[in-house]
Amino acid sequence: MQKTNLVLRHYNKLKPINCTFISGDTNKIFTVKISDSENHVAEMIKGDPVLIGMMDERENLTVNGGSVVGVNPKEEQYIICSNNVINIAKELEKRQYERFPTSLLGEVKLLESNKRESACIKDFSYSGMCIYSPGDFEIDDLIEINVFLSNSVSKYDATVIRKSKNFGRNEYGIQIIHRDKNSMYSTEAQLTNMVQAEKELIYRHLINARYKF
């Protein structure tokens, strides 16, 4: 396998996490070790969504989504299962139904309730998202979800359209409710800006790190 520079983007960290590739296939399942300079900062658990940022020797950036499927906290090693590869620069040209991987914090509640539950967002499109939450919601529930971006909070009304279990967590498929065309266009613009910002952050971090494995 060609050696790459690699970082993980995790919802509970402001910056990407520097990693050393240990073994496996970065398009399938692989093991990484958190770099010594960042020991004890990852705090990732099984099932957590991550963004995987990789750069080849020509400084070409690839970003794809994945999940933590194994944890060895004493050694700061994590087994990552990669999802479909997403080249963000090219995907920005596609239509709004395209789903992008993310790893973002959020909050979710029933539309008519004040009780908020934590959430992490696994992927996002203009029409919906996939989230994990300890909250117990049912299909067809009307909910409000707040998504915490780097410098802002975006709020959406939505409907639960799918419910399942993943690593012992509640996983929900969420359909965003667009009240009018302006709302739809606003969500599409937010998604485009978010994807581009994540790409630029990961790219800058990898350029600055200049790791050689």
N, C-alpha and C. Protein backbone atom coordinates (compact mmCIF):
# COMPACT_ATOMS: atom_id res chain seq x y z
N MET A 1 0.83 -1.20 0.00
CA MET A 1 0.00 0.00 0.00
C MET A 1 0.87 1.25 0.00
N GLN A 2 0.49 2.25 -0.75
CA GLN A 2 1.25 3.49 -0.77
C GLN A 2 1.12 4.18 0.58
N LYS A 3 2.26 4.67 1.08
CA LYS A 3 2.23 5.34 2.37
C LYS A 3 1.55 6.71 2.23
N THR A 4 0.83 7.09 3.27
CA THR A 4 0.10 8.35 3.22
C THR A 4 0.25 9.08 4.54
N ASN A 5 0.05 10.37 4.51
CA ASN A 5 -0.16 11.14 5.72
C ASN A 5 -1.62 10.98 6.11
N LEU A 6 -1.90 10.85 7.40
CA LEU A 6 -3.26 10.51 7.82
C LEU A 6 -3.63 11.24 9.10
N VAL A 7 -4.84 11.81 9.11
CA VAL A 7 -5.41 12.39 10.32
C VAL A 7 -6.85 11.90 10.46
N LEU A 8 -7.35 11.94 11.68
CA LEU A 8 -8.75 11.65 11.96
C LEU A 8 -9.43 12.92 12.44
N ARG A 9 -10.62 13.15 11.96
CA ARG A 9 -11.45 14.28 12.41
C ARG A 9 -12.56 13.69 13.25
N HIS A 10 -12.60 14.08 14.54
CA HIS A 10 -13.55 13.50 15.48
C HIS A 10 -14.37 14.61 16.11
N TYR A 11 -15.64 14.33 16.37
CA TYR A 11 -16.58 15.38 16.78
C TYR A 11 -16.23 16.07 18.09
N ASN A 12 -15.44 15.43 18.97
CA ASN A 12 -15.17 16.08 20.25
C ASN A 12 -13.85 16.84 20.27
N LYS A 13 -13.23 17.03 19.09
CA LYS A 13 -11.98 17.78 19.00
C LYS A 13 -12.10 18.90 17.98
N LEU A 14 -11.52 20.05 18.32
CA LEU A 14 -11.58 21.20 17.42
C LEU A 14 -10.68 21.01 16.20
N LYS A 15 -9.58 20.28 16.38
CA LYS A 15 -8.62 20.10 15.30
C LYS A 15 -8.51 18.62 14.93
N PRO A 16 -8.06 18.33 13.72
CA PRO A 16 -7.80 16.93 13.35
C PRO A 16 -6.74 16.31 14.26
N ILE A 17 -6.80 14.99 14.39
CA ILE A 17 -5.90 14.25 15.27
C ILE A 17 -4.83 13.57 14.42
N ASN A 18 -3.56 13.85 14.71
CA ASN A 18 -2.46 13.23 13.97
C ASN A 18 -2.34 11.76 14.34
N CYS A 19 -2.19 10.92 13.32
CA CYS A 19 -2.11 9.47 13.54
C CYS A 19 -0.96 8.87 12.75
N THR A 20 -0.47 7.74 13.25
CA THR A 20 0.48 6.91 12.53
C THR A 20 -0.26 5.67 12.03
N PHE A 21 -0.18 5.41 10.74
CA PHE A 21 -0.78 4.22 10.16
C PHE A 21 0.00 2.99 10.62
N ILE A 22 -0.69 1.99 11.18
CA ILE A 22 -0.03 0.78 11.69
C ILE A 22 -0.16 -0.38 10.70
N SER A 23 -1.39 -0.70 10.31
CA SER A 23 -1.59 -1.85 9.42
C SER A 23 -2.98 -1.78 8.82
N GLY A 24 -3.20 -2.64 7.80
CA GLY A 24 -4.52 -2.75 7.19
C GLY A 24 -4.61 -2.05 5.85
N ASP A 25 -5.83 -1.77 5.44
CA ASP A 25 -6.13 -1.14 4.15
C ASP A 25 -7.01 0.07 4.42
N THR A 26 -6.53 1.26 4.09
CA THR A 26 -7.26 2.49 4.41
C THR A 26 -8.58 2.61 3.65
N ASN A 27 -8.81 1.76 2.67
CA ASN A 27 -10.11 1.74 1.98
C ASN A 27 -11.08 0.75 2.61
N LYS A 28 -10.60 -0.03 3.60
CA LYS A 28 -11.45 -1.03 4.24
C LYS A 28 -11.35 -0.92 5.75
N ILE A 29 -10.49 -1.74 6.36
CA ILE A 29 -10.28 -1.70 7.81
C ILE A 29 -8.79 -1.54 8.08
N PHE A 30 -8.45 -0.65 8.99
CA PHE A 30 -7.04 -0.42 9.28
C PHE A 30 -6.87 0.04 10.73
N THR A 31 -5.63 -0.03 11.20
CA THR A 31 -5.30 0.35 12.57
C THR A 31 -4.38 1.56 12.56
N VAL A 32 -4.68 2.52 13.44
CA VAL A 32 -3.82 3.69 13.59
C VAL A 32 -3.42 3.84 15.05
N LYS A 33 -2.33 4.54 15.26
CA LYS A 33 -1.89 4.90 16.61
C LYS A 33 -1.87 6.42 16.69
N ILE A 34 -2.46 6.94 17.75
CA ILE A 34 -2.44 8.38 17.95
C ILE A 34 -1.00 8.83 18.16
N SER A 35 -0.59 9.88 17.49
CA SER A 35 0.79 10.34 17.59
C SER A 35 1.14 10.71 19.02
N ASP A 36 2.42 10.52 19.38
CA ASP A 36 2.86 10.74 20.75
C ASP A 36 2.55 12.15 21.24
N SER A 37 2.61 13.11 20.34
CA SER A 37 2.36 14.50 20.73
C SER A 37 0.91 14.74 21.12
N GLU A 38 0.03 13.78 20.83
CA GLU A 38 -1.39 13.95 21.11
C GLU A 38 -1.93 12.85 22.01
N ASN A 39 -1.08 12.20 22.77
CA ASN A 39 -1.53 11.12 23.65
C ASN A 39 -2.63 11.61 24.58
N HIS A 40 -3.60 10.73 24.78
CA HIS A 40 -4.69 10.96 25.73
C HIS A 40 -5.62 12.10 25.32
N VAL A 41 -5.66 12.41 24.03
CA VAL A 41 -6.58 13.47 23.61
C VAL A 41 -7.71 12.93 22.74
N ALA A 42 -7.61 11.69 22.29
CA ALA A 42 -8.59 11.21 21.31
C ALA A 42 -9.96 10.98 21.93
N GLU A 43 -10.03 10.19 23.00
CA GLU A 43 -11.29 9.93 23.70
C GLU A 43 -12.36 9.41 22.74
N MET A 44 -11.98 8.50 21.88
CA MET A 44 -12.94 7.91 20.95
C MET A 44 -13.42 6.57 21.48
N ILE A 45 -14.67 6.24 21.19
CA ILE A 45 -15.24 4.97 21.62
C ILE A 45 -15.82 4.25 20.40
N LYS A 46 -16.10 2.95 20.59
CA LYS A 46 -16.63 2.15 19.49
C LYS A 46 -17.90 2.77 18.91
N GLY A 47 -17.95 2.80 17.61
CA GLY A 47 -19.11 3.33 16.92
C GLY A 47 -19.01 4.79 16.54
N ASP A 48 -18.04 5.51 17.11
CA ASP A 48 -17.91 6.93 16.80
C ASP A 48 -17.65 7.14 15.31
N PRO A 49 -18.35 8.09 14.69
CA PRO A 49 -18.02 8.44 13.30
C PRO A 49 -16.76 9.30 13.25
N VAL A 50 -15.96 9.11 12.22
CA VAL A 50 -14.77 9.92 12.03
C VAL A 50 -14.64 10.28 10.55
N LEU A 51 -13.96 11.37 10.30
CA LEU A 51 -13.50 11.68 8.95
C LEU A 51 -12.04 11.27 8.87
N ILE A 52 -11.67 10.62 7.78
CA ILE A 52 -10.31 10.15 7.57
C ILE A 52 -9.69 11.02 6.48
N GLY A 53 -8.67 11.77 6.84
CA GLY A 53 -7.99 12.62 5.87
C GLY A 53 -6.63 12.05 5.52
N MET A 54 -6.37 11.88 4.23
CA MET A 54 -5.10 11.30 3.78
C MET A 54 -4.52 12.14 2.65
N MET A 55 -3.20 12.21 2.63
CA MET A 55 -2.51 12.96 1.59
C MET A 55 -1.38 12.13 1.03
N ASP A 56 -1.32 12.05 -0.30
CA ASP A 56 -0.25 11.26 -0.90
C ASP A 56 0.99 12.14 -1.11
N GLU A 57 2.01 11.57 -1.74
CA GLU A 57 3.27 12.28 -1.90
C GLU A 57 3.15 13.51 -2.80
N ARG A 58 2.10 13.56 -3.61
CA ARG A 58 1.88 14.72 -4.48
C ARG A 58 0.94 15.74 -3.85
N GLU A 59 0.65 15.56 -2.58
CA GLU A 59 -0.22 16.45 -1.82
C GLU A 59 -1.66 16.43 -2.33
N ASN A 60 -2.08 15.31 -2.91
CA ASN A 60 -3.48 15.12 -3.26
C ASN A 60 -4.25 14.67 -2.03
N LEU A 61 -5.34 15.34 -1.75
CA LEU A 61 -6.12 15.07 -0.54
C LEU A 61 -7.30 14.15 -0.85
N THR A 62 -7.47 13.14 -0.01
CA THR A 62 -8.66 12.29 -0.04
C THR A 62 -9.29 12.30 1.34
N VAL A 63 -10.59 12.48 1.39
CA VAL A 63 -11.32 12.46 2.66
C VAL A 63 -12.45 11.45 2.54
N ASN A 64 -12.53 10.51 3.47
CA ASN A 64 -13.67 9.61 3.48
C ASN A 64 -14.16 9.40 4.90
N GLY A 65 -15.37 8.92 5.00
CA GLY A 65 -15.96 8.70 6.30
C GLY A 65 -15.62 7.32 6.82
N GLY A 66 -15.74 7.15 8.12
CA GLY A 66 -15.49 5.86 8.73
C GLY A 66 -16.04 5.81 10.13
N SER A 67 -15.82 4.68 10.78
CA SER A 67 -16.27 4.48 12.15
C SER A 67 -15.18 3.78 12.95
N VAL A 68 -15.14 4.09 14.23
CA VAL A 68 -14.24 3.39 15.14
C VAL A 68 -14.87 2.04 15.48
N VAL A 69 -14.17 0.95 15.18
CA VAL A 69 -14.73 -0.39 15.45
C VAL A 69 -13.92 -1.16 16.48
N GLY A 70 -12.78 -0.61 16.90
CA GLY A 70 -11.97 -1.27 17.91
C GLY A 70 -11.12 -0.24 18.63
N VAL A 71 -10.92 -0.44 19.94
CA VAL A 71 -10.20 0.54 20.76
C VAL A 71 -9.23 -0.17 21.68
N ASN A 72 -7.99 0.30 21.70
CA ASN A 72 -6.98 -0.13 22.67
C ASN A 72 -6.44 1.13 23.34
N PRO A 73 -7.15 1.64 24.36
CA PRO A 73 -6.79 2.94 24.92
C PRO A 73 -5.41 2.99 25.56
N LYS A 74 -4.93 1.88 26.11
CA LYS A 74 -3.61 1.89 26.74
C LYS A 74 -2.51 2.17 25.72
N GLU A 75 -2.69 1.63 24.52
CA GLU A 75 -1.69 1.83 23.46
C GLU A 75 -2.06 2.99 22.54
N GLU A 76 -3.18 3.65 22.82
CA GLU A 76 -3.68 4.73 21.96
C GLU A 76 -3.83 4.27 20.51
N GLN A 77 -4.33 3.03 20.35
CA GLN A 77 -4.54 2.48 19.02
C GLN A 77 -6.04 2.29 18.77
N TYR A 78 -6.43 2.53 17.52
CA TYR A 78 -7.83 2.44 17.14
C TYR A 78 -7.95 1.70 15.81
N ILE A 79 -8.95 0.83 15.73
CA ILE A 79 -9.26 0.16 14.48
C ILE A 79 -10.39 0.93 13.80
N ILE A 80 -10.16 1.33 12.56
CA ILE A 80 -11.10 2.16 11.83
C ILE A 80 -11.66 1.39 10.64
N CYS A 81 -12.97 1.43 10.50
CA CYS A 81 -13.62 0.85 9.31
C CYS A 81 -13.97 2.00 8.38
N SER A 82 -13.38 1.98 7.19
CA SER A 82 -13.60 3.06 6.23
C SER A 82 -14.87 2.80 5.43
N ASN A 83 -15.61 3.89 5.15
CA ASN A 83 -16.77 3.81 4.28
C ASN A 83 -16.36 4.19 2.86
N ASN A 84 -17.33 4.48 2.02
CA ASN A 84 -17.02 4.84 0.64
C ASN A 84 -16.13 6.07 0.59
N VAL A 85 -15.14 6.04 -0.28
CA VAL A 85 -14.22 7.16 -0.43
C VAL A 85 -14.95 8.35 -1.04
N ILE A 86 -14.77 9.50 -0.44
CA ILE A 86 -15.37 10.73 -0.94
C ILE A 86 -14.26 11.73 -1.24
N ASN A 87 -14.06 12.07 -2.49
CA ASN A 87 -13.13 13.13 -2.85
C ASN A 87 -13.91 14.43 -2.79
N ILE A 88 -13.71 15.20 -1.74
CA ILE A 88 -14.58 16.34 -1.47
C ILE A 88 -14.54 17.37 -2.59
N ALA A 89 -13.38 17.63 -3.13
CA ALA A 89 -13.27 18.66 -4.17
C ALA A 89 -14.18 18.35 -5.35
N LYS A 90 -14.23 17.08 -5.75
CA LYS A 90 -15.08 16.70 -6.87
C LYS A 90 -16.54 16.61 -6.46
N GLU A 91 -16.80 16.14 -5.24
CA GLU A 91 -18.18 15.91 -4.83
C GLU A 91 -18.95 17.22 -4.69
N LEU A 92 -18.25 18.33 -4.48
CA LEU A 92 -18.96 19.60 -4.35
C LEU A 92 -19.72 19.96 -5.62
N GLU A 93 -19.34 19.37 -6.74
CA GLU A 93 -20.00 19.68 -8.00
C GLU A 93 -21.29 18.89 -8.18
N LYS A 94 -21.53 17.91 -7.31
CA LYS A 94 -22.71 17.06 -7.49
C LYS A 94 -23.95 17.71 -6.88
N ARG A 95 -25.09 17.08 -7.11
CA ARG A 95 -26.34 17.65 -6.66
C ARG A 95 -26.55 17.44 -5.17
N GLN A 96 -27.61 18.09 -4.65
CA GLN A 96 -27.81 18.17 -3.22
C GLN A 96 -28.15 16.84 -2.55
N TYR A 97 -28.55 15.83 -3.32
CA TYR A 97 -28.89 14.56 -2.71
C TYR A 97 -27.66 13.78 -2.28
N GLU A 98 -26.49 14.19 -2.75
CA GLU A 98 -25.26 13.49 -2.38
C GLU A 98 -25.05 13.60 -0.87
N ARG A 99 -24.69 12.48 -0.26
CA ARG A 99 -24.52 12.44 1.19
C ARG A 99 -23.03 12.50 1.52
N PHE A 100 -22.67 13.37 2.45
CA PHE A 100 -21.28 13.57 2.82
C PHE A 100 -21.03 13.05 4.24
N PRO A 101 -19.90 12.38 4.45
CA PRO A 101 -19.56 11.95 5.81
C PRO A 101 -19.19 13.14 6.68
N THR A 102 -19.53 13.05 7.96
CA THR A 102 -19.17 14.09 8.91
C THR A 102 -18.86 13.44 10.25
N SER A 103 -18.38 14.24 11.17
CA SER A 103 -18.27 13.84 12.57
C SER A 103 -18.48 15.10 13.38
N LEU A 104 -19.75 15.40 13.68
CA LEU A 104 -20.13 16.66 14.30
C LEU A 104 -20.98 16.41 15.54
N LEU A 105 -20.84 17.31 16.50
CA LEU A 105 -21.70 17.28 17.68
C LEU A 105 -23.04 17.93 17.38
N GLY A 106 -24.06 17.48 18.11
CA GLY A 106 -25.36 18.08 17.97
C GLY A 106 -26.23 17.84 19.18
N GLU A 107 -27.42 18.38 19.15
CA GLU A 107 -28.46 18.13 20.16
C GLU A 107 -29.76 17.86 19.42
N VAL A 108 -30.59 17.01 20.02
CA VAL A 108 -31.85 16.68 19.38
C VAL A 108 -32.94 16.61 20.44
N LYS A 109 -34.16 17.03 20.07
CA LYS A 109 -35.30 16.96 20.98
C LYS A 109 -36.57 16.82 20.17
N LEU A 110 -37.61 16.32 20.81
CA LEU A 110 -38.93 16.35 20.19
C LEU A 110 -39.34 17.79 19.97
N LEU A 111 -40.05 18.05 18.89
CA LEU A 111 -40.37 19.42 18.51
C LEU A 111 -41.14 20.15 19.61
N GLU A 112 -42.01 19.44 20.33
CA GLU A 112 -42.83 20.06 21.36
C GLU A 112 -42.28 19.83 22.77
N SER A 113 -41.02 19.46 22.88
CA SER A 113 -40.43 19.17 24.18
C SER A 113 -39.24 20.09 24.44
N ASN A 114 -38.90 20.24 25.72
CA ASN A 114 -37.72 21.01 26.10
C ASN A 114 -36.54 20.12 26.47
N LYS A 115 -36.75 18.81 26.50
CA LYS A 115 -35.68 17.88 26.89
C LYS A 115 -34.78 17.60 25.70
N ARG A 116 -33.53 18.01 25.83
CA ARG A 116 -32.56 17.82 24.75
C ARG A 116 -31.66 16.63 25.03
N GLU A 117 -31.33 15.90 23.98
CA GLU A 117 -30.41 14.77 24.07
C GLU A 117 -29.19 15.06 23.19
N SER A 118 -28.05 14.58 23.64
CA SER A 118 -26.84 14.74 22.83
C SER A 118 -26.96 13.92 21.55
N ALA A 119 -26.22 14.31 20.55
CA ALA A 119 -26.22 13.59 19.27
C ALA A 119 -24.88 13.79 18.59
N CYS A 120 -24.49 12.83 17.78
CA CYS A 120 -23.35 13.04 16.88
C CYS A 120 -23.83 12.69 15.47
N ILE A 121 -23.40 13.51 14.53
CA ILE A 121 -23.88 13.39 13.16
C ILE A 121 -22.86 12.61 12.35
N LYS A 122 -23.32 11.54 11.72
CA LYS A 122 -22.45 10.64 10.95
C LYS A 122 -22.34 11.06 9.49
N ASP A 123 -23.44 11.46 8.89
CA ASP A 123 -23.40 11.98 7.53
C ASP A 123 -24.55 12.95 7.32
N PHE A 124 -24.47 13.71 6.22
CA PHE A 124 -25.33 14.87 6.07
C PHE A 124 -25.56 15.10 4.58
N SER A 125 -26.80 15.37 4.22
CA SER A 125 -27.11 15.85 2.87
C SER A 125 -28.10 17.00 3.00
N TYR A 126 -28.43 17.63 1.88
CA TYR A 126 -29.38 18.73 1.97
C TYR A 126 -30.75 18.24 2.43
N SER A 127 -31.03 16.96 2.23
CA SER A 127 -32.36 16.43 2.55
C SER A 127 -32.43 15.71 3.89
N GLY A 128 -31.29 15.38 4.48
CA GLY A 128 -31.34 14.65 5.74
C GLY A 128 -29.98 14.32 6.29
N MET A 129 -29.98 13.51 7.34
CA MET A 129 -28.73 13.12 7.98
C MET A 129 -28.90 11.82 8.74
N CYS A 130 -27.78 11.22 9.09
CA CYS A 130 -27.76 10.05 9.95
C CYS A 130 -27.11 10.46 11.26
N ILE A 131 -27.77 10.16 12.39
CA ILE A 131 -27.24 10.58 13.69
C ILE A 131 -27.26 9.42 14.67
N TYR A 132 -26.39 9.52 15.68
CA TYR A 132 -26.44 8.65 16.85
C TYR A 132 -26.89 9.50 18.03
N SER A 133 -27.72 8.93 18.90
CA SER A 133 -28.17 9.65 20.08
C SER A 133 -28.65 8.67 21.14
N PRO A 134 -28.39 8.98 22.43
CA PRO A 134 -28.97 8.16 23.49
C PRO A 134 -30.47 8.38 23.65
N GLY A 135 -30.98 9.43 23.03
CA GLY A 135 -32.41 9.70 23.10
C GLY A 135 -33.23 8.63 22.42
N ASP A 136 -34.42 8.38 22.95
CA ASP A 136 -35.30 7.34 22.41
C ASP A 136 -36.42 7.99 21.62
N PHE A 137 -36.30 7.96 20.31
CA PHE A 137 -37.30 8.54 19.42
C PHE A 137 -37.91 7.44 18.55
N GLU A 138 -39.06 7.73 17.99
CA GLU A 138 -39.76 6.76 17.16
C GLU A 138 -39.89 7.27 15.73
N ILE A 139 -40.09 6.34 14.82
CA ILE A 139 -40.31 6.72 13.42
C ILE A 139 -41.54 7.63 13.32
N ASP A 140 -41.42 8.67 12.53
CA ASP A 140 -42.44 9.71 12.29
C ASP A 140 -42.45 10.78 13.37
N ASP A 141 -41.61 10.66 14.41
CA ASP A 141 -41.52 11.74 15.39
C ASP A 141 -41.01 13.01 14.71
N LEU A 142 -41.60 14.15 15.09
CA LEU A 142 -41.11 15.44 14.64
C LEU A 142 -40.09 15.93 15.65
N ILE A 143 -38.91 16.28 15.17
CA ILE A 143 -37.81 16.64 16.07
C ILE A 143 -37.17 17.95 15.62
N GLU A 144 -36.41 18.52 16.56
CA GLU A 144 -35.55 19.67 16.26
C GLU A 144 -34.12 19.25 16.54
N ILE A 145 -33.22 19.52 15.62
CA ILE A 145 -31.83 19.14 15.81
C ILE A 145 -30.93 20.35 15.60
N ASN A 146 -30.02 20.56 16.54
CA ASN A 146 -29.00 21.59 16.43
C ASN A 146 -27.68 20.93 16.07
N VAL A 147 -27.01 21.47 15.07
CA VAL A 147 -25.70 20.96 14.64
C VAL A 147 -24.66 22.01 14.96
N PHE A 148 -23.65 21.62 15.74
CA PHE A 148 -22.60 22.56 16.16
C PHE A 148 -21.46 22.54 15.16
N LEU A 149 -21.31 23.64 14.44
CA LEU A 149 -20.21 23.81 13.51
C LEU A 149 -19.08 24.55 14.22
N SER A 150 -17.99 24.80 13.53
CA SER A 150 -16.81 25.38 14.19
C SER A 150 -17.09 26.75 14.79
N ASN A 151 -17.91 27.55 14.14
CA ASN A 151 -18.16 28.90 14.64
C ASN A 151 -19.63 29.28 14.60
N SER A 152 -20.51 28.30 14.53
CA SER A 152 -21.94 28.59 14.48
C SER A 152 -22.75 27.36 14.86
N VAL A 153 -24.05 27.57 15.04
CA VAL A 153 -24.99 26.48 15.31
C VAL A 153 -26.10 26.55 14.27
N SER A 154 -26.37 25.44 13.61
CA SER A 154 -27.45 25.38 12.63
C SER A 154 -28.60 24.55 13.19
N LYS A 155 -29.82 25.07 13.08
CA LYS A 155 -31.01 24.40 13.63
C LYS A 155 -31.90 23.92 12.49
N TYR A 156 -32.42 22.69 12.64
CA TYR A 156 -33.28 22.11 11.61
C TYR A 156 -34.48 21.44 12.26
N ASP A 157 -35.65 21.59 11.64
CA ASP A 157 -36.79 20.75 11.97
C ASP A 157 -36.73 19.52 11.06
N ALA A 158 -37.10 18.38 11.61
CA ALA A 158 -36.92 17.15 10.84
C ALA A 158 -37.90 16.08 11.31
N THR A 159 -37.93 14.98 10.56
CA THR A 159 -38.75 13.82 10.87
C THR A 159 -37.86 12.59 10.95
N VAL A 160 -38.11 11.74 11.95
CA VAL A 160 -37.39 10.47 12.05
C VAL A 160 -37.99 9.50 11.03
N ILE A 161 -37.16 8.99 10.12
CA ILE A 161 -37.67 8.06 9.10
C ILE A 161 -37.06 6.66 9.23
N ARG A 162 -36.04 6.53 10.07
CA ARG A 162 -35.42 5.21 10.27
C ARG A 162 -34.83 5.13 11.66
N LYS A 163 -34.89 3.95 12.27
CA LYS A 163 -34.34 3.74 13.60
C LYS A 163 -33.70 2.36 13.65
N SER A 164 -32.48 2.29 14.20
CA SER A 164 -31.80 1.01 14.33
C SER A 164 -30.79 1.11 15.47
N LYS A 165 -30.08 0.01 15.72
CA LYS A 165 -29.04 -0.02 16.74
C LYS A 165 -27.69 -0.22 16.06
N ASN A 166 -26.68 0.50 16.55
CA ASN A 166 -25.33 0.37 16.03
C ASN A 166 -24.36 0.53 17.19
N PHE A 167 -23.60 -0.54 17.49
CA PHE A 167 -22.70 -0.54 18.64
C PHE A 167 -23.44 -0.15 19.93
N GLY A 168 -24.68 -0.62 20.06
CA GLY A 168 -25.45 -0.36 21.26
C GLY A 168 -26.06 1.02 21.33
N ARG A 169 -25.90 1.81 20.29
CA ARG A 169 -26.47 3.16 20.28
C ARG A 169 -27.70 3.21 19.38
N ASN A 170 -28.54 4.19 19.64
CA ASN A 170 -29.66 4.44 18.74
C ASN A 170 -29.14 5.20 17.52
N GLU A 171 -29.39 4.65 16.34
CA GLU A 171 -29.03 5.32 15.09
C GLU A 171 -30.31 5.71 14.38
N TYR A 172 -30.38 6.96 13.94
CA TYR A 172 -31.60 7.48 13.32
C TYR A 172 -31.30 8.04 11.93
N GLY A 173 -32.19 7.75 11.01
CA GLY A 173 -32.21 8.44 9.73
C GLY A 173 -33.17 9.60 9.84
N ILE A 174 -32.70 10.79 9.52
CA ILE A 174 -33.46 12.02 9.73
C ILE A 174 -33.74 12.70 8.39
N GLN A 175 -34.98 13.07 8.17
CA GLN A 175 -35.33 13.83 6.97
C GLN A 175 -35.61 15.27 7.36
N ILE A 176 -34.86 16.20 6.78
CA ILE A 176 -35.02 17.61 7.10
C ILE A 176 -36.31 18.14 6.47
N ILE A 177 -37.04 18.95 7.24
CA ILE A 177 -38.27 19.56 6.75
C ILE A 177 -37.93 20.95 6.19
N HIS A 178 -38.16 21.13 4.90
CA HIS A 178 -37.95 22.44 4.27
C HIS A 178 -39.30 23.13 4.12
N ARG A 179 -39.44 24.28 4.78
CA ARG A 179 -40.72 24.99 4.76
C ARG A 179 -40.95 25.68 3.41
N ASP A 180 -39.88 26.05 2.74
CA ASP A 180 -40.00 26.72 1.44
C ASP A 180 -38.68 26.55 0.69
N LYS A 181 -38.63 27.09 -0.53
CA LYS A 181 -37.42 26.95 -1.34
C LYS A 181 -36.23 27.66 -0.72
N ASN A 182 -36.47 28.79 -0.07
CA ASN A 182 -35.36 29.50 0.56
C ASN A 182 -34.70 28.65 1.64
N SER A 183 -35.52 27.93 2.39
CA SER A 183 -34.99 27.02 3.41
C SER A 183 -34.15 25.93 2.78
N MET A 184 -34.63 25.39 1.67
CA MET A 184 -33.90 24.33 0.97
C MET A 184 -32.56 24.84 0.46
N TYR A 185 -32.57 26.01 -0.15
CA TYR A 185 -31.33 26.57 -0.69
C TYR A 185 -30.36 26.92 0.43
N SER A 186 -30.90 27.39 1.56
CA SER A 186 -30.05 27.72 2.70
C SER A 186 -29.33 26.49 3.23
N THR A 187 -30.07 25.38 3.34
CA THR A 187 -29.46 24.13 3.82
C THR A 187 -28.39 23.65 2.85
N GLU A 188 -28.68 23.76 1.56
CA GLU A 188 -27.70 23.34 0.56
C GLU A 188 -26.43 24.18 0.65
N ALA A 189 -26.59 25.49 0.86
CA ALA A 189 -25.42 26.37 0.97
C ALA A 189 -24.63 26.06 2.24
N GLN A 190 -25.34 25.80 3.34
CA GLN A 190 -24.66 25.44 4.59
C GLN A 190 -23.85 24.17 4.43
N LEU A 191 -24.43 23.19 3.76
CA LEU A 191 -23.73 21.92 3.56
C LEU A 191 -22.48 22.12 2.70
N THR A 192 -22.62 22.87 1.61
CA THR A 192 -21.47 23.13 0.74
C THR A 192 -20.35 23.83 1.50
N ASN A 193 -20.71 24.84 2.29
CA ASN A 193 -19.71 25.57 3.07
C ASN A 193 -19.06 24.69 4.12
N MET A 194 -19.86 23.83 4.76
CA MET A 194 -19.33 22.95 5.79
C MET A 194 -18.33 21.96 5.20
N VAL A 195 -18.70 21.36 4.08
CA VAL A 195 -17.81 20.38 3.44
C VAL A 195 -16.50 21.04 3.02
N GLN A 196 -16.61 22.22 2.43
CA GLN A 196 -15.41 22.92 1.98
C GLN A 196 -14.53 23.31 3.17
N ALA A 197 -15.15 23.77 4.26
CA ALA A 197 -14.38 24.15 5.45
C ALA A 197 -13.66 22.95 6.06
N GLU A 198 -14.33 21.79 6.10
CA GLU A 198 -13.70 20.59 6.63
C GLU A 198 -12.52 20.18 5.76
N LYS A 199 -12.71 20.23 4.47
CA LYS A 199 -11.64 19.88 3.54
C LYS A 199 -10.43 20.78 3.75
N GLU A 200 -10.66 22.08 3.84
CA GLU A 200 -9.56 23.03 3.99
C GLU A 200 -8.85 22.85 5.32
N LEU A 201 -9.61 22.59 6.39
CA LEU A 201 -9.00 22.37 7.70
C LEU A 201 -8.10 21.14 7.69
N ILE A 202 -8.59 20.04 7.13
CA ILE A 202 -7.80 18.81 7.07
C ILE A 202 -6.57 19.01 6.19
N TYR A 203 -6.74 19.69 5.07
CA TYR A 203 -5.62 19.92 4.16
C TYR A 203 -4.52 20.75 4.85
N ARG A 204 -4.91 21.84 5.51
CA ARG A 204 -3.93 22.68 6.20
C ARG A 204 -3.20 21.90 7.28
N HIS A 205 -3.95 21.08 8.00
CA HIS A 205 -3.36 20.31 9.09
C HIS A 205 -2.33 19.32 8.55
N LEU A 206 -2.66 18.65 7.47
CA LEU A 206 -1.73 17.69 6.88
C LEU A 206 -0.50 18.38 6.30
N ILE A 207 -0.70 19.51 5.65
CA ILE A 207 0.43 20.26 5.10
C ILE A 207 1.38 20.69 6.22
N ASN A 208 0.81 21.16 7.33
CA ASN A 208 1.64 21.61 8.45
C ASN A 208 2.36 20.45 9.13
N ALA A 209 1.70 19.30 9.18
CA ALA A 209 2.29 18.15 9.88
C ALA A 209 3.45 17.55 9.10
N ARG A 210 3.28 17.37 7.78
CA ARG A 210 4.33 16.81 6.94
C ARG A 210 4.86 15.49 7.48
N TYR A 211 3.95 14.58 7.83
CA TYR A 211 4.40 13.30 8.37
C TYR A 211 4.92 12.41 7.26
N LYS A 212 5.92 11.62 7.57
CA LYS A 212 6.46 10.60 6.67
C LYS A 212 6.40 9.26 7.38
N PHE A 213 5.55 8.33 6.90
CA PHE A 213 5.43 7.02 7.54
C PHE A 213 6.32 6.02 6.82
